[in-house]
């Protein structure tokens, strides 16, 4: 008993995939015709059931708002008066002080010189 070759198996898979695609399209056409007939009998359109494209009936989507709480500043630039809360990316004036004084961000936060 001989086994089918690899190329033969691949061809069978391709043939089966093509048949599945053909039958799927056929089923869609049949269902569409059936739905259209039922809608016509009821005097309805598809949008009467499902709304406009991309919407769902009865569902109101709430816009999600990102609520941010302001955080009081902890640090002040003595030259300009600009402030920073100590959260997020350090502003340019902090970066300049870090570079000028060769400080780490932790050392900057510990020194009381820039604290409010």
N, C-alpha and C. Protein backbone atom coordinates (compact mmCIF):
# COMPACT_ATOMS: atom_id res chain seq x y z
N UNK A 1 0.85 -1.17 0.00
CA UNK A 1 0.00 0.00 0.00
C UNK A 1 0.90 1.23 0.00
N UNK A 2 0.77 2.07 -1.02
CA UNK A 2 1.65 3.24 -1.13
C UNK A 2 0.95 4.49 -0.59
N UNK A 3 1.75 5.37 -0.05
CA UNK A 3 1.24 6.63 0.49
C UNK A 3 1.28 7.69 -0.60
N UNK A 4 0.32 8.64 -0.55
CA UNK A 4 0.34 9.71 -1.56
C UNK A 4 1.56 10.61 -1.35
N UNK A 5 2.03 11.19 -2.42
CA UNK A 5 3.20 12.07 -2.32
C UNK A 5 2.81 13.39 -1.64
N UNK A 6 3.82 14.10 -1.20
CA UNK A 6 3.61 15.38 -0.53
C UNK A 6 2.92 16.37 -1.46
N UNK A 7 3.33 16.42 -2.71
CA UNK A 7 2.71 17.34 -3.67
C UNK A 7 1.25 16.95 -3.92
N UNK A 8 0.97 15.66 -3.91
CA UNK A 8 -0.41 15.20 -4.08
C UNK A 8 -1.27 15.63 -2.89
N UNK A 9 -0.72 15.51 -1.68
CA UNK A 9 -1.44 15.93 -0.48
C UNK A 9 -1.69 17.44 -0.50
N UNK A 10 -0.69 18.20 -0.91
CA UNK A 10 -0.86 19.66 -0.99
C UNK A 10 -1.94 20.02 -2.00
N UNK A 11 -1.99 19.30 -3.09
CA UNK A 11 -3.01 19.56 -4.10
C UNK A 11 -4.39 19.24 -3.55
N UNK A 12 -4.50 18.16 -2.78
CA UNK A 12 -5.78 17.81 -2.16
C UNK A 12 -6.23 18.89 -1.18
N UNK A 13 -5.28 19.40 -0.40
CA UNK A 13 -5.60 20.47 0.55
C UNK A 13 -6.08 21.70 -0.21
N UNK A 14 -5.39 22.08 -1.28
CA UNK A 14 -5.77 23.24 -2.08
C UNK A 14 -7.16 23.04 -2.69
N UNK A 15 -7.41 21.84 -3.18
CA UNK A 15 -8.73 21.54 -3.76
C UNK A 15 -9.83 21.64 -2.70
N UNK A 16 -9.55 21.11 -1.51
CA UNK A 16 -10.54 21.17 -0.43
C UNK A 16 -10.78 22.62 0.01
N UNK A 17 -9.73 23.42 0.12
CA UNK A 17 -9.89 24.81 0.50
C UNK A 17 -10.73 25.56 -0.54
N UNK A 18 -10.49 25.28 -1.81
CA UNK A 18 -11.28 25.92 -2.87
C UNK A 18 -12.74 25.49 -2.78
N UNK A 19 -13.00 24.24 -2.50
CA UNK A 19 -14.37 23.74 -2.37
C UNK A 19 -15.07 24.37 -1.17
N UNK A 20 -14.33 24.51 -0.06
CA UNK A 20 -14.90 25.15 1.14
C UNK A 20 -15.27 26.60 0.82
N UNK A 21 -14.39 27.31 0.13
CA UNK A 21 -14.67 28.71 -0.23
C UNK A 21 -15.88 28.79 -1.15
N UNK A 22 -15.98 27.89 -2.12
CA UNK A 22 -17.11 27.89 -3.05
C UNK A 22 -18.42 27.63 -2.32
N UNK A 23 -18.42 26.65 -1.42
CA UNK A 23 -19.64 26.30 -0.68
C UNK A 23 -20.03 27.42 0.30
N UNK A 24 -19.04 28.06 0.89
CA UNK A 24 -19.33 29.18 1.80
C UNK A 24 -20.02 30.31 1.05
N UNK A 25 -19.50 30.66 -0.12
CA UNK A 25 -20.12 31.71 -0.93
C UNK A 25 -21.52 31.32 -1.36
N UNK A 26 -21.71 30.07 -1.71
CA UNK A 26 -23.03 29.58 -2.10
C UNK A 26 -24.01 29.69 -0.93
N UNK A 27 -23.57 29.31 0.27
CA UNK A 27 -24.43 29.41 1.45
C UNK A 27 -24.77 30.86 1.75
N UNK A 28 -23.82 31.76 1.58
CA UNK A 28 -24.09 33.19 1.79
C UNK A 28 -25.14 33.70 0.82
N UNK A 29 -25.00 33.31 -0.46
CA UNK A 29 -25.97 33.75 -1.48
C UNK A 29 -27.37 33.25 -1.14
N UNK A 30 -27.46 31.97 -0.72
CA UNK A 30 -28.76 31.40 -0.39
C UNK A 30 -29.39 32.11 0.81
N UNK A 31 -28.59 32.34 1.85
CA UNK A 31 -29.09 33.03 3.03
C UNK A 31 -29.51 34.46 2.71
N UNK A 32 -28.70 35.15 1.91
CA UNK A 32 -29.02 36.53 1.53
C UNK A 32 -30.34 36.57 0.78
N UNK A 33 -30.56 35.63 -0.14
CA UNK A 33 -31.81 35.59 -0.90
C UNK A 33 -32.99 35.32 0.03
N UNK A 34 -32.79 34.40 0.98
CA UNK A 34 -33.85 34.08 1.95
C UNK A 34 -34.17 35.28 2.83
N UNK A 35 -33.14 35.98 3.33
CA UNK A 35 -33.35 37.16 4.18
C UNK A 35 -34.03 38.28 3.39
N UNK A 36 -33.57 38.50 2.15
CA UNK A 36 -34.16 39.55 1.33
C UNK A 36 -35.65 39.28 1.10
N UNK A 37 -36.00 38.02 0.85
CA UNK A 37 -37.40 37.67 0.63
C UNK A 37 -38.22 37.92 1.89
N UNK A 38 -37.69 37.53 3.05
CA UNK A 38 -38.42 37.74 4.31
C UNK A 38 -38.56 39.22 4.63
N UNK A 39 -37.50 39.99 4.38
CA UNK A 39 -37.58 41.43 4.62
C UNK A 39 -38.61 42.08 3.70
N UNK A 40 -38.61 41.67 2.44
CA UNK A 40 -39.57 42.22 1.49
C UNK A 40 -40.99 41.89 1.91
N UNK A 41 -41.23 40.66 2.37
CA UNK A 41 -42.57 40.27 2.82
C UNK A 41 -43.02 41.13 4.00
N UNK A 42 -42.08 41.51 4.85
CA UNK A 42 -42.40 42.30 6.04
C UNK A 42 -42.38 43.80 5.75
N UNK A 43 -41.96 44.18 4.55
CA UNK A 43 -41.89 45.59 4.20
C UNK A 43 -40.75 46.32 4.91
N UNK A 44 -39.69 45.61 5.18
CA UNK A 44 -38.56 46.17 5.91
C UNK A 44 -37.30 46.20 5.06
N UNK A 45 -36.35 47.00 5.53
CA UNK A 45 -35.02 47.02 4.93
C UNK A 45 -34.04 46.52 5.99
N UNK A 46 -32.87 46.13 5.56
CA UNK A 46 -31.87 45.61 6.49
C UNK A 46 -31.50 46.65 7.54
N UNK A 47 -31.50 47.93 7.15
CA UNK A 47 -31.16 49.00 8.10
C UNK A 47 -32.24 49.16 9.17
N UNK A 48 -33.46 48.72 8.88
CA UNK A 48 -34.51 48.76 9.90
C UNK A 48 -34.19 47.80 11.04
N UNK A 49 -33.50 46.73 10.73
CA UNK A 49 -33.14 45.75 11.75
C UNK A 49 -31.83 46.08 12.44
N UNK A 50 -30.84 46.46 11.66
CA UNK A 50 -29.49 46.60 12.20
C UNK A 50 -28.96 48.03 12.24
N UNK A 51 -29.71 48.99 11.77
CA UNK A 51 -29.24 50.36 11.74
C UNK A 51 -28.25 50.57 10.62
N UNK A 52 -27.61 51.71 10.66
CA UNK A 52 -26.63 52.04 9.62
C UNK A 52 -25.40 51.15 9.77
N UNK A 53 -24.62 51.11 8.73
CA UNK A 53 -23.41 50.29 8.75
C UNK A 53 -22.51 50.70 9.90
N UNK A 54 -22.05 49.73 10.64
CA UNK A 54 -21.12 49.98 11.74
C UNK A 54 -21.79 50.30 13.06
N UNK A 55 -23.11 50.39 13.07
CA UNK A 55 -23.78 50.66 14.35
C UNK A 55 -24.56 49.44 14.78
N UNK A 56 -24.86 49.38 16.04
CA UNK A 56 -25.65 48.28 16.57
C UNK A 56 -26.89 48.86 17.20
N UNK A 57 -28.06 48.28 16.92
CA UNK A 57 -29.30 48.85 17.45
C UNK A 57 -29.35 48.75 18.98
N UNK A 58 -29.84 49.81 19.57
CA UNK A 58 -30.05 49.78 21.00
C UNK A 58 -28.81 49.95 21.83
N UNK A 59 -27.67 50.10 21.18
CA UNK A 59 -26.43 50.23 21.93
C UNK A 59 -25.93 51.66 21.77
N UNK A 60 -25.80 52.33 22.88
CA UNK A 60 -25.24 53.67 22.86
C UNK A 60 -23.86 53.57 23.48
N UNK A 61 -22.90 53.94 22.70
CA UNK A 61 -21.53 53.85 23.19
C UNK A 61 -21.16 55.13 23.91
N UNK A 62 -20.78 54.98 25.13
CA UNK A 62 -20.34 56.14 25.90
C UNK A 62 -18.89 56.41 25.58
N UNK A 63 -18.58 57.67 25.45
CA UNK A 63 -17.19 58.04 25.23
C UNK A 63 -16.48 57.96 26.56
N UNK A 64 -15.36 57.29 26.54
CA UNK A 64 -14.61 57.20 27.79
C UNK A 64 -13.69 58.40 27.87
N UNK A 65 -13.79 59.09 28.95
CA UNK A 65 -12.96 60.25 29.16
C UNK A 65 -11.85 59.89 30.13
N UNK A 66 -10.68 60.31 29.80
CA UNK A 66 -9.57 60.06 30.68
C UNK A 66 -9.56 61.17 31.72
N UNK A 67 -9.80 60.78 32.93
CA UNK A 67 -9.84 61.75 34.01
C UNK A 67 -8.47 61.81 34.64
N UNK A 68 -7.91 62.98 34.62
CA UNK A 68 -6.60 63.15 35.22
C UNK A 68 -6.72 64.08 36.40
N UNK A 69 -6.04 63.77 37.43
CA UNK A 69 -6.02 64.62 38.60
C UNK A 69 -4.72 65.41 38.57
N UNK A 70 -4.84 66.70 38.82
CA UNK A 70 -3.62 67.48 38.85
C UNK A 70 -2.89 67.21 40.15
N UNK A 71 -1.60 67.20 40.05
CA UNK A 71 -0.76 66.93 41.21
C UNK A 71 -0.01 68.21 41.55
N UNK A 72 0.01 68.55 42.79
CA UNK A 72 0.72 69.76 43.20
C UNK A 72 2.20 69.63 42.88
N UNK A 73 2.81 70.74 42.45
CA UNK A 73 4.25 70.69 42.16
C UNK A 73 5.06 70.54 43.43
N UNK A 74 6.20 69.88 43.32
CA UNK A 74 7.10 69.68 44.45
C UNK A 74 8.41 70.43 44.28
N UNK A 75 8.76 70.73 43.02
CA UNK A 75 10.06 71.32 42.72
C UNK A 75 9.89 72.58 41.91
N UNK A 76 10.76 73.58 42.16
CA UNK A 76 10.69 74.85 41.44
C UNK A 76 12.08 75.21 40.91
N UNK A 77 12.08 75.72 39.68
CA UNK A 77 13.31 76.22 39.07
C UNK A 77 13.58 77.60 39.66
N UNK A 78 14.70 77.78 40.34
CA UNK A 78 14.96 79.08 40.97
C UNK A 78 15.14 80.22 39.96
N UNK A 79 15.53 79.91 38.74
CA UNK A 79 15.77 80.94 37.73
C UNK A 79 14.47 81.43 37.09
N UNK A 80 13.60 80.48 36.70
CA UNK A 80 12.40 80.84 35.94
C UNK A 80 11.12 80.73 36.73
N UNK A 81 11.14 80.00 37.82
CA UNK A 81 9.93 79.80 38.60
C UNK A 81 9.08 78.64 38.08
N UNK A 82 9.55 77.96 37.03
CA UNK A 82 8.82 76.80 36.49
C UNK A 82 8.78 75.71 37.54
N UNK A 83 7.71 74.94 37.54
CA UNK A 83 7.55 73.89 38.55
C UNK A 83 7.43 72.52 37.91
N UNK A 84 7.63 71.50 38.76
CA UNK A 84 7.51 70.10 38.33
C UNK A 84 7.00 69.31 39.52
N UNK A 85 6.09 68.38 39.25
CA UNK A 85 5.50 67.57 40.32
C UNK A 85 6.40 66.43 40.77
N UNK A 86 7.41 66.11 39.97
CA UNK A 86 8.27 64.98 40.29
C UNK A 86 7.79 63.70 39.64
N UNK A 87 6.70 63.80 38.89
CA UNK A 87 6.16 62.64 38.18
C UNK A 87 6.40 62.79 36.69
N UNK A 88 6.46 61.66 36.03
CA UNK A 88 6.63 61.69 34.58
C UNK A 88 8.03 62.12 34.19
N UNK A 89 8.16 62.43 32.92
CA UNK A 89 9.47 62.83 32.40
C UNK A 89 9.87 64.18 32.98
N UNK A 90 11.12 64.30 33.34
CA UNK A 90 11.63 65.54 33.92
C UNK A 90 11.66 66.63 32.84
N UNK A 91 11.26 67.85 33.20
CA UNK A 91 11.32 68.94 32.23
C UNK A 91 12.76 69.33 31.91
N UNK A 92 12.90 70.17 30.89
CA UNK A 92 14.25 70.54 30.43
C UNK A 92 15.05 71.23 31.51
N UNK A 93 14.41 72.06 32.33
CA UNK A 93 15.18 72.76 33.36
C UNK A 93 15.77 71.80 34.38
N UNK A 94 15.03 70.70 34.67
CA UNK A 94 15.54 69.69 35.59
C UNK A 94 16.70 68.94 34.92
N UNK A 95 16.52 68.57 33.67
CA UNK A 95 17.57 67.87 32.92
C UNK A 95 18.84 68.72 32.88
N UNK A 96 18.68 70.04 32.69
CA UNK A 96 19.84 70.93 32.64
C UNK A 96 20.57 70.95 33.99
N UNK A 97 19.82 71.00 35.08
CA UNK A 97 20.44 70.99 36.42
C UNK A 97 21.14 69.66 36.65
N UNK A 98 20.51 68.56 36.26
CA UNK A 98 21.13 67.24 36.45
C UNK A 98 22.46 67.16 35.71
N UNK A 99 22.47 67.67 34.49
CA UNK A 99 23.69 67.60 33.68
C UNK A 99 24.76 68.55 34.22
N UNK A 100 24.33 69.76 34.59
CA UNK A 100 25.25 70.78 35.08
C UNK A 100 25.94 70.35 36.38
N UNK A 101 25.16 69.76 37.27
CA UNK A 101 25.69 69.38 38.58
C UNK A 101 26.07 67.91 38.68
N UNK A 102 25.90 67.18 37.58
CA UNK A 102 26.22 65.75 37.55
C UNK A 102 25.45 64.98 38.63
N UNK A 103 24.17 65.26 38.74
CA UNK A 103 23.30 64.62 39.72
C UNK A 103 22.45 63.54 39.06
N UNK A 104 22.05 62.57 39.85
CA UNK A 104 21.03 61.62 39.39
C UNK A 104 19.68 62.21 39.74
N UNK A 105 18.62 61.68 39.17
CA UNK A 105 17.29 62.18 39.47
C UNK A 105 16.93 61.97 40.94
N UNK A 106 17.42 60.85 41.50
CA UNK A 106 17.17 60.58 42.91
C UNK A 106 17.87 61.62 43.79
N UNK A 107 19.09 61.96 43.45
CA UNK A 107 19.83 62.96 44.22
C UNK A 107 19.15 64.32 44.10
N UNK A 108 18.64 64.64 42.91
CA UNK A 108 17.92 65.89 42.71
C UNK A 108 16.69 65.96 43.62
N UNK A 109 15.96 64.86 43.70
CA UNK A 109 14.74 64.83 44.51
C UNK A 109 15.03 64.91 46.00
N UNK A 110 16.18 64.39 46.43
CA UNK A 110 16.52 64.37 47.84
C UNK A 110 16.99 65.75 48.31
N UNK A 111 17.74 66.45 47.46
CA UNK A 111 18.24 67.76 47.90
C UNK A 111 17.07 68.70 48.10
N UNK A 112 17.11 69.48 49.13
CA UNK A 112 16.01 70.38 49.45
C UNK A 112 16.08 71.69 48.71
N UNK A 113 17.11 71.89 47.93
CA UNK A 113 17.34 73.17 47.27
C UNK A 113 16.22 73.55 46.30
N UNK A 114 15.62 72.57 45.64
CA UNK A 114 14.61 72.85 44.62
C UNK A 114 13.19 72.53 45.07
N UNK A 115 13.06 72.02 46.29
CA UNK A 115 11.73 71.66 46.79
C UNK A 115 10.94 72.90 47.15
N UNK A 116 9.64 72.80 47.00
CA UNK A 116 8.75 73.91 47.38
C UNK A 116 8.45 73.89 48.86
